[in-house]
PDB file of N, CA and C in Angstrom:
ATOM      1  N   MET A   1     135.497  -0.422-146.994  1.00  0.00           N
ATOM      2  CA  MET A   1     136.968  -0.924-146.356  1.00  0.00           C
ATOM      3  C   MET A   1     137.762  -0.487-145.254  1.00  0.00           C
ATOM      4  N   ASP A   2     138.190  -1.475-144.601  1.00  0.00           N
ATOM      5  CA  ASP A   2     138.665  -1.518-143.283  1.00  0.00           C
ATOM      6  C   ASP A   2     140.431  -1.273-143.807  1.00  0.00           C
ATOM      7  N   THR A   3     140.827   0.012-143.282  1.00  0.00           N
ATOM      8  CA  THR A   3     142.014   0.406-143.568  1.00  0.00           C
ATOM      9  C   THR A   3     142.708   0.577-142.364  1.00  0.00           C
ATOM     10  N   ALA A   4     143.491  -0.333-142.032  1.00  0.00           N
ATOM     11  CA  ALA A   4     144.124   0.993-140.123  1.00  0.00           C
ATOM     12  C   ALA A   4     144.834   1.967-140.495  1.00  0.00           C
ATOM     13  N   THR A   5     144.821   2.495-139.644  1.00  0.00           N
ATOM     14  CA  THR A   5     145.554   4.204-139.409  1.00  0.00           C
ATOM     15  C   THR A   5     146.756   3.300-139.187  1.00  0.00           C
ATOM     16  N   GLN A   6     147.815   3.778-139.192  1.00  0.00           N
ATOM     17  CA  GLN A   6     149.493   3.290-138.329  1.00  0.00           C
ATOM     18  C   GLN A   6     149.752   4.925-138.024  1.00  0.00           C
ATOM     19  N   VAL A   7     149.927   5.094-136.720  1.00  0.00           N
ATOM     20  CA  VAL A   7     150.455   6.251-136.145  1.00  0.00           C
ATOM     21  C   VAL A   7     152.091   6.126-135.759  1.00  0.00           C
ATOM     22  N   ALA A   8     152.616   7.109-136.228  1.00  0.00           N
ATOM     23  CA  ALA A   8     154.048   7.558-136.453  1.00  0.00           C
ATOM     24  C   ALA A   8     154.219   7.706-135.082  1.00  0.00           C
ATOM     25  N   LEU A   9     155.187   6.715-133.957  1.00  0.00           N
ATOM     26  CA  LEU A   9     155.443   7.212-132.854  1.00  0.00           C
ATOM     27  C   LEU A   9     156.563   8.188-133.390  1.00  0.00           C
ATOM     28  N   ASN A  10     157.006   8.876-131.876  1.00  0.00           N
ATOM     29  CA  ASN A  10     157.914  10.182-131.895  1.00  0.00           C
ATOM     30  C   ASN A  10     159.075   9.469-131.486  1.00  0.00           C
ATOM     31  N   PRO A  11     160.138   9.818-131.558  1.00  0.00           N
ATOM     32  CA  PRO A  11     161.377   8.790-131.755  1.00  0.00           C
ATOM     33  C   PRO A  11     161.579   8.614-130.461  1.00  0.00           C
ATOM     34  N   ILE A  12     161.215   9.675-129.662  1.00  0.00           N
ATOM     35  CA  ILE A  12     161.892   9.717-127.978  1.00  0.00           C
ATOM     36  C   ILE A  12     160.771   8.788-127.308  1.00  0.00           C
ATOM     37  N   TYR A  13     159.740   8.292-127.895  1.00  0.00           N
ATOM     38  CA  TYR A  13     159.081   7.352-127.138  1.00  0.00           C
ATOM     39  C   TYR A  13     158.883   5.640-128.119  1.00  0.00           C
ATOM     40  N   ARG A  14     160.140   5.644-128.915  1.00  0.00           N
ATOM     41  CA  ARG A  14     160.497   4.326-129.000  1.00  0.00           C
ATOM     42  C   ARG A  14     161.517   3.436-128.114  1.00  0.00           C
ATOM     43  N   GLY A  15     160.797   2.261-127.917  1.00  0.00           N
ATOM     44  CA  GLY A  15     161.905   1.721-127.449  1.00  0.00           C
ATOM     45  C   GLY A  15     163.245   1.594-127.646  1.00  0.00           C
ATOM     46  N   LYS A  16     164.049   1.419-126.858  1.00  0.00           N
ATOM     47  CA  LYS A  16     165.526   1.813-127.031  1.00  0.00           C
ATOM     48  C   LYS A  16     165.866   0.514-126.262  1.00  0.00           C
ATOM     49  N   LYS A  17     166.928   0.320-126.081  1.00  0.00           N
ATOM     50  CA  LYS A  17     168.127  -0.279-125.320  1.00  0.00           C
ATOM     51  C   LYS A  17     168.222  -0.144-124.198  1.00  0.00           C
ATOM     52  N   GLN A  18     167.815  -1.036-122.860  1.00  0.00           N
ATOM     53  CA  GLN A  18     168.162  -0.098-121.552  1.00  0.00           C
ATOM     54  C   GLN A  18     170.003   0.480-120.940  1.00  0.00           C
ATOM     55  N   ILE A  19     170.293   1.162-120.822  1.00  0.00           N
ATOM     56  CA  ILE A  19     171.178   1.619-120.857  1.00  0.00           C
ATOM     57  C   ILE A  19     170.945   2.249-119.405  1.00  0.00           C
ATOM     58  N   ARG A  20     172.328   1.939-118.153  1.00  0.00           N
ATOM     59  CA  ARG A  20     172.238   1.805-116.857  1.00  0.00           C
ATOM     60  C   ARG A  20     173.750   2.916-116.385  1.00  0.00           C
ATOM     61  N   CYS A  21     173.431   4.597-116.717  1.00  0.00           N
ATOM     62  CA  CYS A  21     174.738   5.008-115.893  1.00  0.00           C
ATOM     63  C   CYS A  21     174.201   5.694-115.149  1.00  0.00           C
ATOM     64  N   GLU A  22     174.643   5.546-113.546  1.00  0.00           N
ATOM     65  CA  GLU A  22     174.514   6.124-112.377  1.00  0.00           C
ATOM     66  C   GLU A  22     175.001   7.373-112.672  1.00  0.00           C
ATOM     67  N   PRO A  23     176.713   7.662-113.101  1.00  0.00           N
ATOM     68  CA  PRO A  23     177.458   8.802-113.202  1.00  0.00           C
ATOM     69  C   PRO A  23     176.269   9.922-114.073  1.00  0.00           C
ATOM     70  N   TYR A  24     176.194   9.239-115.094  1.00  0.00           N
ATOM     71  CA  TYR A  24     175.131  10.187-116.098  1.00  0.00           C
ATOM     72  C   TYR A  24     174.107  10.753-115.370  1.00  0.00           C
ATOM     73  N   LYS A  25     173.290   9.881-114.528  1.00  0.00           N
ATOM     74  CA  LYS A  25     172.095  10.449-113.999  1.00  0.00           C
ATOM     75  C   LYS A  25     172.524  11.714-112.746  1.00  0.00           C
ATOM     76  N   ARG A  26     173.616  11.152-111.983  1.00  0.00           N
ATOM     77  CA  ARG A  26     174.397  11.984-110.979  1.00  0.00           C
ATOM     78  C   ARG A  26     174.593  13.448-111.822  1.00  0.00           C
ATOM     79  N   TYR A  27     174.943  13.353-112.899  1.00  0.00           N
ATOM     80  CA  TYR A  27     175.562  14.562-113.500  1.00  0.00           C
ATOM     81  C   TYR A  27     173.910  15.495-113.905  1.00  0.00           C
ATOM     82  N   VAL A  28     173.414  14.971-114.657  1.00  0.00           N
ATOM     83  CA  VAL A  28     172.301  15.518-115.235  1.00  0.00           C
ATOM     84  C   VAL A  28     171.122  16.230-113.101  1.00  0.00           C
ATOM     85  N   LYS A  29     171.390  15.663-112.767  1.00  0.00           N
ATOM     86  CA  LYS A  29     170.949  16.126-111.389  1.00  0.00           C
ATOM     87  C   LYS A  29     171.081  17.250-111.048  1.00  0.00           C
ATOM     88  N   ARG A  30     172.646  17.664-111.069  1.00  0.00           N
ATOM     89  CA  ARG A  30     173.220  18.833-110.921  1.00  0.00           C
ATOM     90  C   ARG A  30     172.828  19.619-111.732  1.00  0.00           C
ATOM     91  N   PHE A  31     171.765  19.620-112.528  1.00  0.00           N
ATOM     92  CA  PHE A  31     171.309  21.269-113.440  1.00  0.00           C
ATOM     93  C   PHE A  31     170.040  21.561-112.715  1.00  0.00           C
ATOM     94  N   GLY A  32     169.247  22.548-113.044  1.00  0.00           N
ATOM     95  CA  GLY A  32     168.214  23.072-112.100  1.00  0.00           C
ATOM     96  C   GLY A  32     166.787  22.707-113.479  1.00  0.00           C
ATOM     97  N   CYS A  33     165.488  22.348-113.211  1.00  0.00           N
ATOM     98  CA  CYS A  33     164.519  21.845-113.660  1.00  0.00           C
ATOM     99  C   CYS A  33     164.537  22.944-114.943  1.00  0.00           C
ATOM    100  N   ILE A  34     164.264  21.616-115.965  1.00  0.00           N
ATOM    101  CA  ILE A  34     164.354  22.509-117.109  1.00  0.00           C
ATOM    102  C   ILE A  34     162.637  23.155-117.445  1.00  0.00           C
ATOM    103  N   ALA A  35     161.423  22.805-116.242  1.00  0.00           N
ATOM    104  CA  ALA A  35     160.165  23.380-116.947  1.00  0.00           C
ATOM    105  C   ALA A  35     160.255  24.220-115.697  1.00  0.00           C
ATOM    106  N   CYS A  36     160.462  24.784-114.560  1.00  0.00           N
ATOM    107  CA  CYS A  36     160.196  25.412-113.678  1.00  0.00           C
ATOM    108  C   CYS A  36     161.742  26.268-113.306  1.00  0.00           C
ATOM    109  N   GLY A  37     162.626  25.848-113.742  1.00  0.00           N
ATOM    110  CA  GLY A  37     164.186  26.298-113.217  1.00  0.00           C
ATOM    111  C   GLY A  37     164.694  26.756-111.928  1.00  0.00           C
ATOM    112  N   SER A  38     163.690  25.391-111.125  1.00  0.00           N
ATOM    113  CA  SER A  38     164.327  25.279-109.593  1.00  0.00           C
ATOM    114  C   SER A  38     165.395  24.542-109.473  1.00  0.00           C
ATOM    115  N   ALA A  39     166.382  25.044-108.061  1.00  0.00           N
ATOM    116  CA  ALA A  39     167.497  23.946-108.151  1.00  0.00           C
ATOM    117  C   ALA A  39     167.393  23.144-107.020  1.00  0.00           C
ATOM    118  N   ARG A  40     166.559  23.161-106.150  1.00  0.00           N
ATOM    119  CA  ARG A  40     166.164  22.261-105.194  1.00  0.00           C
ATOM    120  C   ARG A  40     165.004  20.991-105.620  1.00  0.00           C
ATOM    121  N   ASN A  41     165.331  20.209-105.120  1.00  0.00           N
ATOM    122  CA  ASN A  41     164.497  18.909-105.224  1.00  0.00           C
ATOM    123  C   ASN A  41     164.687  18.303-106.891  1.00  0.00           C
ATOM    124  N   VAL A  42     165.954  18.397-107.419  1.00  0.00           N
ATOM    125  CA  VAL A  42     165.764  18.138-108.611  1.00  0.00           C
ATOM    126  C   VAL A  42     166.447  16.547-108.792  1.00  0.00           C
ATOM    127  N   ASP A  43     165.267  15.742-109.902  1.00  0.00           N
ATOM    128  CA  ASP A  43     165.222  13.988-109.790  1.00  0.00           C
ATOM    129  C   ASP A  43     165.892  14.159-111.775  1.00  0.00           C
ATOM    130  N   PRO A  44     167.112  13.152-111.738  1.00  0.00           N
ATOM    131  CA  PRO A  44     166.933  12.608-113.408  1.00  0.00           C
ATOM    132  C   PRO A  44     165.105  12.240-113.524  1.00  0.00           C
ATOM    133  N   CYS A  45     164.848  12.524-114.767  1.00  0.00           N
ATOM    134  CA  CYS A  45     163.250  11.975-114.929  1.00  0.00           C
ATOM    135  C   CYS A  45     163.673  11.210-116.287  1.00  0.00           C
ATOM    136  N   HIS A  46     163.011   9.909-116.428  1.00  0.00           N
ATOM    137  CA  HIS A  46     163.197   9.309-117.612  1.00  0.00           C
ATOM    138  C   HIS A  46     162.377   9.507-117.998  1.00  0.00           C
ATOM    139  N   THR A  47     162.614   9.741-119.460  1.00  0.00           N
ATOM    140  CA  THR A  47     161.826   9.986-120.550  1.00  0.00           C
ATOM    141  C   THR A  47     161.592   8.900-121.823  1.00  0.00           C
ATOM    142  N   GLY A  48     160.787   8.713-122.846  1.00  0.00           N
ATOM    143  CA  GLY A  48     160.582   7.303-123.760  1.00  0.00           C
ATOM    144  C   GLY A  48     159.487   6.422-122.793  1.00  0.00           C
ATOM    145  N   ALA A  49     160.090   5.221-123.197  1.00  0.00           N
ATOM    146  CA  ALA A  49     158.763   4.285-123.135  1.00  0.00           C
ATOM    147  C   ALA A  49     159.186   3.879-121.823  1.00  0.00           C
ATOM    148  N   HIS A  50     158.120   3.316-120.885  1.00  0.00           N
ATOM    149  CA  HIS A  50     157.864   2.742-119.382  1.00  0.00           C
ATOM    150  C   HIS A  50     156.792   2.071-119.695  1.00  0.00           C
ATOM    151  N   GLY A  51     157.413   0.881-118.786  1.00  0.00           N
ATOM    152  CA  GLY A  51     156.207  -0.553-118.947  1.00  0.00           C
ATOM    153  C   GLY A  51     156.139  -0.219-117.307  1.00  0.00           C
ATOM    154  N   ILE A  52     155.454  -1.493-117.049  1.00  0.00           N
ATOM    155  CA  ILE A  52     155.670  -2.177-115.481  1.00  0.00           C
ATOM    156  C   ILE A  52     156.614  -2.510-115.054  1.00  0.00           C
ATOM    157  N   SER A  53     157.807  -2.074-113.637  1.00  0.00           N
ATOM    158  CA  SER A  53     158.395  -2.295-113.635  1.00  0.00           C
ATOM    159  C   SER A  53     159.469  -1.749-114.583  1.00  0.00           C
ATOM    160  N   GLN A  54     159.522  -1.339-115.418  1.00  0.00           N
ATOM    161  CA  GLN A  54     160.726  -0.902-116.401  1.00  0.00           C
ATOM    162  C   GLN A  54     160.703   0.718-116.133  1.00  0.00           C
ATOM    163  N   LYS A  55     162.084   1.078-116.828  1.00  0.00           N
ATOM    164  CA  LYS A  55     162.510   2.499-116.909  1.00  0.00           C
ATOM    165  C   LYS A  55     163.162   2.876-118.450  1.00  0.00           C
ATOM    166  N   SER A  56     163.215   3.848-118.974  1.00  0.00           N
ATOM    167  CA  SER A  56     163.554   3.798-120.238  1.00  0.00           C
ATOM    168  C   SER A  56     165.150   4.157-119.709  1.00  0.00           C
ATOM    169  N   SER A  57     165.990   4.484-120.979  1.00  0.00           N
ATOM    170  CA  SER A  57     167.486   4.374-120.723  1.00  0.00           C
ATOM    171  C   SER A  57     167.685   5.253-119.368  1.00  0.00           C
ATOM    172  N   ASP A  58     169.001   5.257-119.329  1.00  0.00           N
ATOM    173  CA  ASP A  58     169.750   6.290-118.405  1.00  0.00           C
ATOM    174  C   ASP A  58     169.408   7.425-119.166  1.00  0.00           C
ATOM    175  N   MET A  59     170.636   7.152-120.251  1.00  0.00           N
ATOM    176  CA  MET A  59     170.685   8.402-121.243  1.00  0.00           C
ATOM    177  C   MET A  59     169.680   9.369-121.849  1.00  0.00           C
ATOM    178  N   SER A  60     168.551   9.042-121.568  1.00  0.00           N
ATOM    179  CA  SER A  60     167.277   9.755-122.207  1.00  0.00           C
ATOM    180  C   SER A  60     166.831  10.564-120.527  1.00  0.00           C
ATOM    181  N   VAL A  61     167.548  10.510-119.821  1.00  0.00           N
ATOM    182  CA  VAL A  61     166.950  11.535-118.565  1.00  0.00           C
ATOM    183  C   VAL A  61     167.245  13.086-118.540  1.00  0.00           C
ATOM    184  N   LEU A  62     165.943  13.600-117.883  1.00  0.00           N
ATOM    185  CA  LEU A  62     165.789  15.242-118.099  1.00  0.00           C
ATOM    186  C   LEU A  62     165.963  15.469-116.474  1.00  0.00           C
ATOM    187  N   PRO A  63     166.675  16.868-116.654  1.00  0.00           N
ATOM    188  CA  PRO A  63     166.588  17.234-115.063  1.00  0.00           C
ATOM    189  C   PRO A  63     165.239  17.813-114.876  1.00  0.00           C
ATOM    190  N   LEU A  64     164.745  17.333-113.792  1.00  0.00           N
ATOM    191  CA  LEU A  64     163.059  17.770-113.327  1.00  0.00           C
ATOM    192  C   LEU A  64     162.659  17.808-111.623  1.00  0.00           C
ATOM    193  N   CYS A  65     162.235  19.040-111.226  1.00  0.00           N
ATOM    194  CA  CYS A  65     162.357  18.996-109.571  1.00  0.00           C
ATOM    195  C   CYS A  65     161.319  18.182-109.768  1.00  0.00           C
ATOM    196  N   ARG A  66     160.574  17.533-108.515  1.00  0.00           N
ATOM    197  CA  ARG A  66     160.182  16.615-107.999  1.00  0.00           C
ATOM    198  C   ARG A  66     158.296  17.094-108.058  1.00  0.00           C
ATOM    199  N   VAL A  67     158.004  18.722-108.148  1.00  0.00           N
ATOM    200  CA  VAL A  67     156.942  18.217-108.609  1.00  0.00           C
ATOM    201  C   VAL A  67     156.635  18.483-110.266  1.00  0.00           C
ATOM    202  N   CYS A  68     157.306  18.991-110.615  1.00  0.00           N
ATOM    203  CA  CYS A  68     157.662  18.894-112.395  1.00  0.00           C
ATOM    204  C   CYS A  68     157.570  17.244-112.902  1.00  0.00           C
ATOM    205  N   HIS A  69     158.357  16.646-111.822  1.00  0.00           N
ATOM    206  CA  HIS A  69     158.509  15.293-112.309  1.00  0.00           C
ATOM    207  C   HIS A  69     157.215  14.583-112.300  1.00  0.00           C
ATOM    208  N   ASP A  70     156.650  14.767-111.184  1.00  0.00           N
ATOM    209  CA  ASP A  70     155.262  14.069-110.791  1.00  0.00           C
ATOM    210  C   ASP A  70     154.136  14.392-111.563  1.00  0.00           C
ATOM    211  N   LYS A  71     154.515  15.588-112.288  1.00  0.00           N
ATOM    212  CA  LYS A  71     153.307  16.290-113.670  1.00  0.00           C
ATOM    213  C   LYS A  71     154.068  15.284-114.911  1.00  0.00           C
ATOM    214  N   PHE A  72     154.973  15.658-115.105  1.00  0.00           N
ATOM    215  CA  PHE A  72     155.885  14.827-116.294  1.00  0.00           C
ATOM    216  C   PHE A  72     155.155  13.352-116.019  1.00  0.00           C
ATOM    217  N   ASP A  73     155.714  12.945-115.379  1.00  0.00           N
ATOM    218  CA  ASP A  73     154.872  11.637-115.436  1.00  0.00           C
ATOM    219  C   ASP A  73     153.335  10.787-115.730  1.00  0.00           C
ATOM    220  N   ASP A  74     152.699  11.990-115.276  1.00  0.00           N
ATOM    221  CA  ASP A  74     151.090  12.165-115.720  1.00  0.00           C
ATOM    222  C   ASP A  74     150.888  11.986-116.833  1.00  0.00           C
ATOM    223  N   ASP A  75     151.312  12.950-117.523  1.00  0.00           N
ATOM    224  CA  ASP A  75     150.875  13.393-118.700  1.00  0.00           C
ATOM    225  C   ASP A  75     152.505  13.567-119.424  1.00  0.00           C
ATOM    226  N   PRO A  76     153.445  12.964-120.164  1.00  0.00           N
ATOM    227  CA  PRO A  76     154.738  13.373-120.884  1.00  0.00           C
ATOM    228  C   PRO A  76     154.218  14.293-121.829  1.00  0.00           C
ATOM    229  N   ARG A  77     153.844  14.296-122.646  1.00  0.00           N
ATOM    230  CA  ARG A  77     153.020  14.882-123.998  1.00  0.00           C
ATOM    231  C   ARG A  77     152.242  16.113-123.665  1.00  0.00           C
ATOM    232  N   GLY A  78     151.391  16.136-122.635  1.00  0.00           N
ATOM    233  CA  GLY A  78     151.089  17.630-122.976  1.00  0.00           C
ATOM    234  C   GLY A  78     152.001  18.551-121.815  1.00  0.00           C
ATOM    235  N   PHE A  79     152.541  17.974-120.635  1.00  0.00           N
ATOM    236  CA  PHE A  79     153.685  18.613-120.119  1.00  0.00           C
ATOM    237  C   PHE A  79     154.390  18.940-121.015  1.00  0.00           C
ATOM    238  N   ALA A  80     154.921  18.073-122.022  1.00  0.00           N
ATOM    239  CA  ALA A  80     156.052  19.002-123.472  1.00  0.00           C
ATOM    240  C   ALA A  80     155.480  19.766-123.541  1.00  0.00           C
ATOM    241  N   ILE A  81     153.916  20.193-124.261  1.00  0.00           N
ATOM    242  CA  ILE A  81     153.267  21.237-124.928  1.00  0.00           C
ATOM    243  C   ILE A  81     153.333  22.479-124.070  1.00  0.00           C
ATOM    244  N   LEU A  82     152.859  21.994-123.227  1.00  0.00           N
ATOM    245  CA  LEU A  82     152.715  23.254-121.666  1.00  0.00           C
ATOM    246  C   LEU A  82     153.739  24.023-121.695  1.00  0.00           C
ATOM    247  N   HIS A  83     154.830  23.005-121.442  1.00  0.00           N
ATOM    248  CA  HIS A  83     156.204  24.067-121.080  1.00  0.00           C
ATOM    249  C   HIS A  83     157.169  24.452-122.388  1.00  0.00           C
ATOM    250  N   ASN A  84     156.355  24.123-123.736  1.00  0.00           N
ATOM    251  CA  ASN A  84     157.302  24.005-124.949  1.00  0.00           C
ATOM    252  C   ASN A  84     158.474  23.296-124.591  1.00  0.00           C
ATOM    253  N   LEU A  85     158.494  22.547-124.633  1.00  0.00           N
ATOM    254  CA  LEU A  85     159.294  21.501-124.313  1.00  0.00           C
ATOM    255  C   LEU A  85     159.715  20.557-125.302  1.00  0.00           C
ATOM    256  N   ASP A  86     161.163  20.026-125.907  1.00  0.00           N
ATOM    257  CA  ASP A  86     161.799  19.457-127.113  1.00  0.00           C
ATOM    258  C   ASP A  86     162.237  18.464-126.987  1.00  0.00           C
ATOM    259  N   ILE A  87     161.510  17.832-126.056  1.00  0.00           N
ATOM    260  CA  ILE A  87     162.157  16.567-125.458  1.00  0.00           C
ATOM    261  C   ILE A  87     163.444  15.915-126.139  1.00  0.00           C
ATOM    262  N   ALA A  88     163.284  15.464-127.305  1.00  0.00           N
ATOM    263  CA  ALA A  88     164.453  14.818-128.307  1.00  0.00           C
ATOM    264  C   ALA A  88     165.578  15.618-127.900  1.00  0.00           C
ATOM    265  N   GLU A  89     165.378  16.912-128.187  1.00  0.00           N
ATOM    266  CA  GLU A  89     166.846  17.866-128.625  1.00  0.00           C
ATOM    267  C   GLU A  89     167.077  18.103-127.151  1.00  0.00           C
ATOM    268  N   LEU A  90     166.262  17.998-126.086  1.00  0.00           N
ATOM    269  CA  LEU A  90     166.526  18.420-124.909  1.00  0.00           C
ATOM    270  C   LEU A  90     167.933  16.965-124.398  1.00  0.00           C
ATOM    271  N   ILE A  91     167.187  15.941-124.569  1.00  0.00           N
ATOM    272  CA  ILE A  91     168.173  14.664-124.154  1.00  0.00           C
ATOM    273  C   ILE A  91     169.506  14.897-124.984  1.00  0.00           C
ATOM    274  N   ALA A  92     169.215  15.278-126.410  1.00  0.00           N
ATOM    275  CA  ALA A  92     170.397  15.101-127.323  1.00  0.00           C
ATOM    276  C   ALA A  92     171.560  16.506-126.479  1.00  0.00           C
ATOM    277  N   PHE A  93     171.138  17.058-126.536  1.00  0.00           N
ATOM    278  CA  PHE A  93     171.836  18.500-125.654  1.00  0.00           C
ATOM    279  C   PHE A  93     172.710  17.483-124.154  1.00  0.00           C
ATOM    280  N   TYR A  94     172.487  17.166-123.406  1.00  0.00           N
ATOM    281  CA  TYR A  94     172.421  16.446-122.232  1.00  0.00           C
ATOM    282  C   TYR A  94     173.185  15.582-122.434  1.00  0.00           C
ATOM    283  N   ASN A  95     173.165  14.437-123.438  1.00  0.00           N
ATOM    284  CA  ASN A  95     174.019  14.047-123.987  1.00  0.00           C
ATOM    285  C   ASN A  95     175.468  14.537-124.227  1.00  0.00           C
ATOM    286  N   HIS A  96     175.471  15.961-125.049  1.00  0.00           N
ATOM    287  CA  HIS A  96     176.538  16.207-125.243  1.00  0.00           C
ATOM    288  C   HIS A  96     177.393  16.809-124.635  1.00  0.00           C
ATOM    289  N   LEU A  97     176.723  17.474-123.763  1.00  0.00           N
ATOM    290  CA  LEU A  97     177.587  17.802-122.311  1.00  0.00           C
ATOM    291  C   LEU A  97     178.463  16.944-122.167  1.00  0.00           C
ATOM    292  N   TRP A  98     177.453  15.706-121.550  1.00  0.00           N
ATOM    293  CA  TRP A  98     178.185  14.575-121.238  1.00  0.00           C
ATOM    294  C   TRP A  98     178.890  14.010-121.537  1.00  0.00           C
ATOM    295  N   SER A  99     179.254  13.662-123.093  1.00  0.00           N
ATOM    296  CA  SER A  99     179.997  13.419-123.750  1.00  0.00           C
ATOM    297  C   SER A  99     181.416  15.152-123.695  1.00  0.00           C
ATOM    298  N   LEU A 100     181.306  15.829-123.657  1.00  0.00           N
ATOM    299  CA  LEU A 100     182.305  16.876-123.708  1.00  0.00           C
ATOM    300  C   LEU A 100     182.757  16.461-122.809  1.00  0.00           C
ATOM    301  N   LYS A 101     182.061  16.279-120.923  1.00  0.00           N
ATOM    302  CA  LYS A 101     182.916  16.214-120.129  1.00  0.00           C
ATOM    303  C   LYS A 101     183.385  14.911-120.097  1.00  0.00           C
ATOM    304  N   LEU A 102     183.545  14.066-120.803  1.00  0.00           N
ATOM    305  CA  LEU A 102     184.157  12.768-120.528  1.00  0.00           C
ATOM    306  C   LEU A 102     185.192  12.953-121.774  1.00  0.00           C
ATOM    307  N   ASP A 103     184.908  13.786-122.368  1.00  0.00           N
ATOM    308  CA  ASP A 103     186.352  13.956-123.979  1.00  0.00           C
ATOM    309  C   ASP A 103     187.530  14.964-122.287  1.00  0.00           C
ATOM    310  N   ARG A 104     186.950  15.781-121.662  1.00  0.00           N
ATOM    311  CA  ARG A 104     187.915  16.728-120.963  1.00  0.00           C
ATOM    312  C   ARG A 104     188.492  16.075-119.998  1.00  0.00           C
ATOM    313  N   SER A 105     188.032  14.828-119.741  1.00  0.00           N
ATOM    314  CA  SER A 105     188.879  13.586-118.148  1.00  0.00           C
ATOM    315  C   SER A 105     189.391  12.914-118.854  1.00  0.00           C
ATOM    316  N   ALA A 106     189.087  12.907-120.268  1.00  0.00           N
ATOM    317  CA  ALA A 106     190.128  12.012-120.529  1.00  0.00           C
ATOM    318  C   ALA A 106     191.420  12.204-120.906  1.00  0.00           C
ATOM    319  N   LEU A 107     191.647  13.771-120.593  1.00  0.00           N
ATOM    320  CA  LEU A 107     192.926  14.314-121.420  1.00  0.00           C
ATOM    321  C   LEU A 107     194.222  14.289-120.425  1.00  0.00           C
TER     322      LEU A 107
END
């Protein structure tokens, strides 16, 4: 009997509607690298599904220095395991900080 084994995809690797938000990317870039703690050359690193000439939503970026960003792009799951990072939780954390910032600026 041939039965197809279904692999459950982690929620962070499922495709989502792409949202572009430059202010959010600039905001995340202000934080230190989540892997090594460096405050220099920090980039907003897109997590999640990537296709050719495509990036995931800007609302799923995390701050990584250039060195860690390159390592993350090479092997996202391995990088997260190596540095003991819960990517989905970190995305939720930075989104929460952003929403708090927006709430304060609305006052």
